């Protein structure tokens, strides 16, 4: 069982990590030192690159990750997390940071649905979702242009009826190879 081996490796490492008190160098509070919340992509290349490219350390920011750094629903968990960061966790600015060469760029729903079916999801289940009012093709569709995607997410956040006025919402794109940042939306000028 490869999966149980991976889990056991993680748990073994964790026991040692705690035993030798490695956690002490990461101690901080729940409030972001730099008073910002970042929505970014879950891409593996950004795990360490993005914070290093922005001079961010443990405790500096609240980070929310999903596929594509997208706010696809104004009352979904992403927007709720941003609002909680602003209202309860002292975030004063919001950054949406997407990246070039994203898996969501040009993502078409058909191959995803075919992959689901090949792994045991039935046509009946897909049809039930459709009959229940869920447009699975729209839900699984990525984006066609990363700049437009960033502008859209920034707009949803900035214009959200529960977002207080005066909170800058910035939009950026990071190069997943070099860490270079490209400004798409300057929230100070919006």
C-alpha atoms as a PDB file:
ATOM      1  CA  UNK A   1       0.000   0.000   0.000  1.00  0.00           C
ATOM      2  CA  UNK A   2       1.816   3.071  -1.226  1.00  0.00           C
ATOM      3  CA  UNK A   3      -0.713   5.489   0.287  1.00  0.00           C
ATOM      4  CA  UNK A   4      -0.432   4.073   3.787  1.00  0.00           C
ATOM      5  CA  UNK A   5       3.351   4.150   3.419  1.00  0.00           C
ATOM      6  CA  UNK A   6       3.217   7.854   2.539  1.00  0.00           C
ATOM      7  CA  UNK A   7       0.947   8.568   5.499  1.00  0.00           C
ATOM      8  CA  UNK A   8       3.240   6.582   7.822  1.00  0.00           C
ATOM      9  CA  UNK A   9       6.264   8.522   6.553  1.00  0.00           C
ATOM     10  CA  UNK A  10       4.469  11.790   7.309  1.00  0.00           C
ATOM     11  CA  UNK A  11       3.433  10.659  10.790  1.00  0.00           C
ATOM     12  CA  UNK A  12       6.926   9.331  11.612  1.00  0.00           C
ATOM     13  CA  UNK A  13       8.504  12.590  10.489  1.00  0.00           C
ATOM     14  CA  UNK A  14       5.934  14.570  12.480  1.00  0.00           C
ATOM     15  CA  UNK A  15       6.695  12.707  15.708  1.00  0.00           C
ATOM     16  CA  UNK A  16      10.371  13.592  15.338  1.00  0.00           C
ATOM     17  CA  UNK A  17       9.528  17.174  14.374  1.00  0.00           C
ATOM     18  CA  UNK A  18       7.532  17.629  17.583  1.00  0.00           C
ATOM     19  CA  UNK A  19       9.973  15.673  19.722  1.00  0.00           C
ATOM     20  CA  UNK A  20      12.924  17.892  18.825  1.00  0.00           C
ATOM     21  CA  UNK A  21      10.717  21.006  19.040  1.00  0.00           C
ATOM     22  CA  UNK A  22      11.232  22.140  15.443  1.00  0.00           C
ATOM     23  CA  UNK A  23       7.901  23.961  15.673  1.00  0.00           C
ATOM     24  CA  UNK A  24       9.408  26.624  17.929  1.00  0.00           C
ATOM     25  CA  UNK A  25      10.983  28.498  15.006  1.00  0.00           C
ATOM     26  CA  UNK A  26       7.559  28.820  13.380  1.00  0.00           C
ATOM     27  CA  UNK A  27       5.633  30.163  16.368  1.00  0.00           C
ATOM     28  CA  UNK A  28       3.510  33.201  15.600  1.00  0.00           C
ATOM     29  CA  UNK A  29      -0.031  34.440  16.181  1.00  0.00           C
ATOM     30  CA  UNK A  30      -3.146  33.935  14.055  1.00  0.00           C
ATOM     31  CA  UNK A  31      -2.944  37.565  12.926  1.00  0.00           C
ATOM     32  CA  UNK A  32      -0.910  38.300   9.781  1.00  0.00           C
ATOM     33  CA  UNK A  33       2.120  40.489  10.494  1.00  0.00           C
ATOM     34  CA  UNK A  34       1.836  42.204   7.101  1.00  0.00           C
ATOM     35  CA  UNK A  35      -1.946  42.605   7.424  1.00  0.00           C
ATOM     36  CA  UNK A  36      -2.835  40.970   4.140  1.00  0.00           C
ATOM     37  CA  UNK A  37      -4.657  37.972   2.763  1.00  0.00           C
ATOM     38  CA  UNK A  38      -3.500  36.290  -0.430  1.00  0.00           C
ATOM     39  CA  UNK A  39      -5.633  34.174  -2.726  1.00  0.00           C
ATOM     40  CA  UNK A  40      -3.337  32.108  -4.904  1.00  0.00           C
ATOM     41  CA  UNK A  41      -3.238  28.872  -6.831  1.00  0.00           C
ATOM     42  CA  UNK A  42      -2.590  25.467  -5.294  1.00  0.00           C
ATOM     43  CA  UNK A  43       0.155  24.806  -7.881  1.00  0.00           C
ATOM     44  CA  UNK A  44       3.056  22.897  -6.319  1.00  0.00           C
ATOM     45  CA  UNK A  45       5.605  25.273  -7.844  1.00  0.00           C
ATOM     46  CA  UNK A  46       4.276  28.128  -5.731  1.00  0.00           C
ATOM     47  CA  UNK A  47       4.529  26.448  -2.321  1.00  0.00           C
ATOM     48  CA  UNK A  48       7.913  27.953  -1.499  1.00  0.00           C
ATOM     49  CA  UNK A  49       8.514  30.175  -4.539  1.00  0.00           C
ATOM     50  CA  UNK A  50       5.657  32.628  -3.952  1.00  0.00           C
ATOM     51  CA  UNK A  51       6.548  33.512  -0.335  1.00  0.00           C
ATOM     52  CA  UNK A  52      10.261  33.768  -1.166  1.00  0.00           C
ATOM     53  CA  UNK A  53       9.556  35.951  -4.215  1.00  0.00           C
ATOM     54  CA  UNK A  54       7.493  38.294  -1.997  1.00  0.00           C
ATOM     55  CA  UNK A  55       9.746  38.292   1.084  1.00  0.00           C
ATOM     56  CA  UNK A  56       7.086  36.590   3.202  1.00  0.00           C
ATOM     57  CA  UNK A  57       7.775  34.436   6.217  1.00  0.00           C
ATOM     58  CA  UNK A  58       5.705  32.326   8.553  1.00  0.00           C
ATOM     59  CA  UNK A  59       3.040  34.489  10.177  1.00  0.00           C
ATOM     60  CA  UNK A  60       3.204  37.313   7.637  1.00  0.00           C
ATOM     61  CA  UNK A  61       0.007  36.679   5.626  1.00  0.00           C
ATOM     62  CA  UNK A  62      -3.170  34.673   5.464  1.00  0.00           C
ATOM     63  CA  UNK A  63      -3.029  32.407   2.423  1.00  0.00           C
ATOM     64  CA  UNK A  64      -5.992  30.854   0.651  1.00  0.00           C
ATOM     65  CA  UNK A  65      -5.342  28.404  -2.164  1.00  0.00           C
ATOM     66  CA  UNK A  66      -7.508  26.814  -4.803  1.00  0.00           C
ATOM     67  CA  UNK A  67      -7.246  25.721  -8.418  1.00  0.00           C
ATOM     68  CA  UNK A  68      -6.506  28.853 -10.431  1.00  0.00           C
ATOM     69  CA  UNK A  69      -6.772  31.489  -7.665  1.00  0.00           C
ATOM     70  CA  UNK A  70     -10.402  31.873  -8.677  1.00  0.00           C
ATOM     71  CA  UNK A  71     -13.351  33.371  -6.878  1.00  0.00           C
ATOM     72  CA  UNK A  72     -15.972  31.391  -8.755  1.00  0.00           C
ATOM     73  CA  UNK A  73     -18.863  31.998  -6.374  1.00  0.00           C
ATOM     74  CA  UNK A  74     -19.401  35.246  -4.431  1.00  0.00           C
ATOM     75  CA  UNK A  75     -20.796  33.347  -1.443  1.00  0.00           C
ATOM     76  CA  UNK A  76     -18.509  30.316  -1.525  1.00  0.00           C
ATOM     77  CA  UNK A  77     -15.792  29.330   0.913  1.00  0.00           C
ATOM     78  CA  UNK A  78     -13.078  31.409  -0.794  1.00  0.00           C
ATOM     79  CA  UNK A  79     -14.983  34.669  -0.384  1.00  0.00           C
ATOM     80  CA  UNK A  80     -16.009  33.721   3.155  1.00  0.00           C
ATOM     81  CA  UNK A  81     -12.357  33.141   4.056  1.00  0.00           C
ATOM     82  CA  UNK A  82     -11.336  36.518   2.621  1.00  0.00           C
ATOM     83  CA  UNK A  83     -14.084  38.285   4.569  1.00  0.00           C
ATOM     84  CA  UNK A  84     -13.126  36.505   7.808  1.00  0.00           C
ATOM     85  CA  UNK A  85      -9.490  37.534   7.263  1.00  0.00           C
ATOM     86  CA  UNK A  86     -10.586  41.168   6.841  1.00  0.00           C
ATOM     87  CA  UNK A  87     -13.166  41.334   9.635  1.00  0.00           C
ATOM     88  CA  UNK A  88     -11.671  39.029  12.262  1.00  0.00           C
ATOM     89  CA  UNK A  89      -7.988  38.514  11.521  1.00  0.00           C
ATOM     90  CA  UNK A  90      -6.766  42.073  10.858  1.00  0.00           C
ATOM     91  CA  UNK A  91      -6.079  41.760   7.120  1.00  0.00           C
ATOM     92  CA  UNK A  92      -6.169  45.213   5.558  1.00  0.00           C
ATOM     93  CA  UNK A  93      -5.346  44.330   1.946  1.00  0.00           C
ATOM     94  CA  UNK A  94      -6.217  41.493  -0.436  1.00  0.00           C
ATOM     95  CA  UNK A  95      -3.954  40.102  -3.149  1.00  0.00           C
ATOM     96  CA  UNK A  96      -5.128  37.753  -5.893  1.00  0.00           C
ATOM     97  CA  UNK A  97      -2.044  36.057  -7.341  1.00  0.00           C
ATOM     98  CA  UNK A  98      -2.496  33.731 -10.291  1.00  0.00           C
ATOM     99  CA  UNK A  99       0.343  32.358 -12.408  1.00  0.00           C
ATOM    100  CA  UNK A 100       1.349  31.650 -15.965  1.00  0.00           C
ATOM    101  CA  UNK A 101       1.207  28.033 -17.175  1.00  0.00           C
ATOM    102  CA  UNK A 102      -1.709  27.231 -14.852  1.00  0.00           C
ATOM    103  CA  UNK A 103      -3.543  23.917 -15.118  1.00  0.00           C
ATOM    104  CA  UNK A 104      -6.844  25.808 -15.040  1.00  0.00           C
ATOM    105  CA  UNK A 105      -5.852  27.827 -18.111  1.00  0.00           C
ATOM    106  CA  UNK A 106      -7.796  26.417 -21.023  1.00  0.00           C
ATOM    107  CA  UNK A 107      -9.159  23.576 -18.869  1.00  0.00           C
ATOM    108  CA  UNK A 108     -12.087  21.946 -20.601  1.00  0.00           C
ATOM    109  CA  UNK A 109     -14.628  19.982 -18.567  1.00  0.00           C
ATOM    110  CA  UNK A 110     -14.936  17.038 -20.962  1.00  0.00           C
ATOM    111  CA  UNK A 111     -11.553  15.398 -20.168  1.00  0.00           C
ATOM    112  CA  UNK A 112     -12.181  15.865 -16.441  1.00  0.00           C
ATOM    113  CA  UNK A 113     -15.592  14.210 -16.726  1.00  0.00           C
ATOM    114  CA  UNK A 114     -14.092  11.356 -18.769  1.00  0.00           C
ATOM    115  CA  UNK A 115     -11.442  10.888 -16.076  1.00  0.00           C
ATOM    116  CA  UNK A 116     -14.181  10.821 -13.434  1.00  0.00           C
ATOM    117  CA  UNK A 117     -16.033   8.148 -15.388  1.00  0.00           C
ATOM    118  CA  UNK A 118     -12.882   6.060 -15.832  1.00  0.00           C
ATOM    119  CA  UNK A 119     -12.445   6.129 -12.053  1.00  0.00           C
ATOM    120  CA  UNK A 120     -15.955   4.933 -11.301  1.00  0.00           C
ATOM    121  CA  UNK A 121     -18.287   7.946 -11.394  1.00  0.00           C
ATOM    122  CA  UNK A 122     -21.363   6.828 -13.312  1.00  0.00           C
ATOM    123  CA  UNK A 123     -23.270   8.611 -16.063  1.00  0.00           C
ATOM    124  CA  UNK A 124     -26.222   8.405 -13.679  1.00  0.00           C
ATOM    125  CA  UNK A 125     -24.370  10.502 -11.104  1.00  0.00           C
ATOM    126  CA  UNK A 126     -23.369  13.080 -13.731  1.00  0.00           C
ATOM    127  CA  UNK A 127     -26.981  13.189 -14.963  1.00  0.00           C
ATOM    128  CA  UNK A 128     -28.320  13.546 -11.409  1.00  0.00           C
ATOM    129  CA  UNK A 129     -26.126  16.616 -10.948  1.00  0.00           C
ATOM    130  CA  UNK A 130     -27.411  18.084 -14.206  1.00  0.00           C
ATOM    131  CA  UNK A 131     -31.034  17.370 -13.276  1.00  0.00           C
ATOM    132  CA  UNK A 132     -30.408  18.997  -9.882  1.00  0.00           C
ATOM    133  CA  UNK A 133     -29.517  22.286 -11.540  1.00  0.00           C
ATOM    134  CA  UNK A 134     -25.727  21.954 -11.408  1.00  0.00           C
ATOM    135  CA  UNK A 135     -24.044  22.873 -14.653  1.00  0.00           C
ATOM    136  CA  UNK A 136     -21.063  20.556 -14.240  1.00  0.00           C
ATOM    137  CA  UNK A 137     -19.501  21.761 -17.501  1.00  0.00           C
ATOM    138  CA  UNK A 138     -19.478  25.359 -16.282  1.00  0.00           C
ATOM    139  CA  UNK A 139     -18.348  24.295 -12.793  1.00  0.00           C
ATOM    140  CA  UNK A 140     -15.363  22.387 -14.173  1.00  0.00           C
ATOM    141  CA  UNK A 141     -14.402  24.939 -16.839  1.00  0.00           C
ATOM    142  CA  UNK A 142     -11.144  26.749 -16.202  1.00  0.00           C
ATOM    143  CA  UNK A 143     -10.303  30.114 -17.703  1.00  0.00           C
ATOM    144  CA  UNK A 144      -9.084  31.181 -21.120  1.00  0.00           C
ATOM    145  CA  UNK A 145      -7.002  34.229 -20.191  1.00  0.00           C
ATOM    146  CA  UNK A 146      -5.088  34.556 -16.918  1.00  0.00           C
ATOM    147  CA  UNK A 147      -5.199  38.375 -16.916  1.00  0.00           C
ATOM    148  CA  UNK A 148      -8.980  38.363 -17.355  1.00  0.00           C
ATOM    149  CA  UNK A 149      -9.308  35.710 -14.677  1.00  0.00           C
ATOM    150  CA  UNK A 150      -7.354  37.838 -12.187  1.00  0.00           C
ATOM    151  CA  UNK A 151      -9.390  40.936 -13.101  1.00  0.00           C
ATOM    152  CA  UNK A 152     -12.608  38.953 -12.615  1.00  0.00           C
ATOM    153  CA  UNK A 153     -11.630  37.631  -9.161  1.00  0.00           C
ATOM    154  CA  UNK A 154     -10.446  41.084  -8.077  1.00  0.00           C
ATOM    155  CA  UNK A 155     -13.769  42.537  -9.233  1.00  0.00           C
ATOM    156  CA  UNK A 156     -15.822  39.946  -7.352  1.00  0.00           C
ATOM    157  CA  UNK A 157     -13.892  40.644  -4.149  1.00  0.00           C
ATOM    158  CA  UNK A 158     -13.776  44.444  -4.454  1.00  0.00           C
ATOM    159  CA  UNK A 159     -17.468  44.729  -5.367  1.00  0.00           C
ATOM    160  CA  UNK A 160     -18.736  42.174  -2.874  1.00  0.00           C
ATOM    161  CA  UNK A 161     -21.620  43.655  -0.858  1.00  0.00           C
ATOM    162  CA  UNK A 162     -19.965  42.600   2.409  1.00  0.00           C
ATOM    163  CA  UNK A 163     -16.473  43.924   1.611  1.00  0.00           C
ATOM    164  CA  UNK A 164     -15.853  47.178   3.471  1.00  0.00           C
ATOM    165  CA  UNK A 165     -14.889  50.235   1.459  1.00  0.00           C
ATOM    166  CA  UNK A 166     -11.258  51.203   1.448  1.00  0.00           C
ATOM    167  CA  UNK A 167      -9.772  47.687   1.374  1.00  0.00           C
ATOM    168  CA  UNK A 168      -7.307  47.581  -1.527  1.00  0.00           C
ATOM    169  CA  UNK A 169      -7.698  44.486  -3.701  1.00  0.00           C
ATOM    170  CA  UNK A 170      -4.668  43.883  -5.925  1.00  0.00           C
ATOM    171  CA  UNK A 171      -4.282  41.457  -8.809  1.00  0.00           C
ATOM    172  CA  UNK A 172      -0.957  39.935  -9.828  1.00  0.00           C
ATOM    173  CA  UNK A 173       0.468  37.128 -11.927  1.00  0.00           C
ATOM    174  CA  UNK A 174       3.597  35.267 -10.877  1.00  0.00           C
ATOM    175  CA  UNK A 175       5.962  33.450 -13.198  1.00  0.00           C
ATOM    176  CA  UNK A 176       6.132  29.904 -11.751  1.00  0.00           C
ATOM    177  CA  UNK A 177       9.711  29.514 -12.961  1.00  0.00           C
ATOM    178  CA  UNK A 178      11.374  32.798 -11.917  1.00  0.00           C
ATOM    179  CA  UNK A 179       9.009  34.236  -9.296  1.00  0.00           C
ATOM    180  CA  UNK A 180       8.717  37.509 -11.253  1.00  0.00           C
ATOM    181  CA  UNK A 181       5.509  39.361 -10.385  1.00  0.00           C
ATOM    182  CA  UNK A 182       3.390  41.193 -12.939  1.00  0.00           C
ATOM    183  CA  UNK A 183       0.879  43.765 -11.704  1.00  0.00           C
ATOM    184  CA  UNK A 184      -2.564  43.391 -13.283  1.00  0.00           C
ATOM    185  CA  UNK A 185      -4.696  45.466 -10.904  1.00  0.00           C
ATOM    186  CA  UNK A 186      -3.308  48.107  -8.537  1.00  0.00           C
ATOM    187  CA  UNK A 187      -5.825  48.146  -5.697  1.00  0.00           C
ATOM    188  CA  UNK A 188      -4.616  51.545  -4.513  1.00  0.00           C
ATOM    189  CA  UNK A 189      -5.748  53.125  -7.783  1.00  0.00           C
ATOM    190  CA  UNK A 190      -9.044  51.274  -8.126  1.00  0.00           C
END
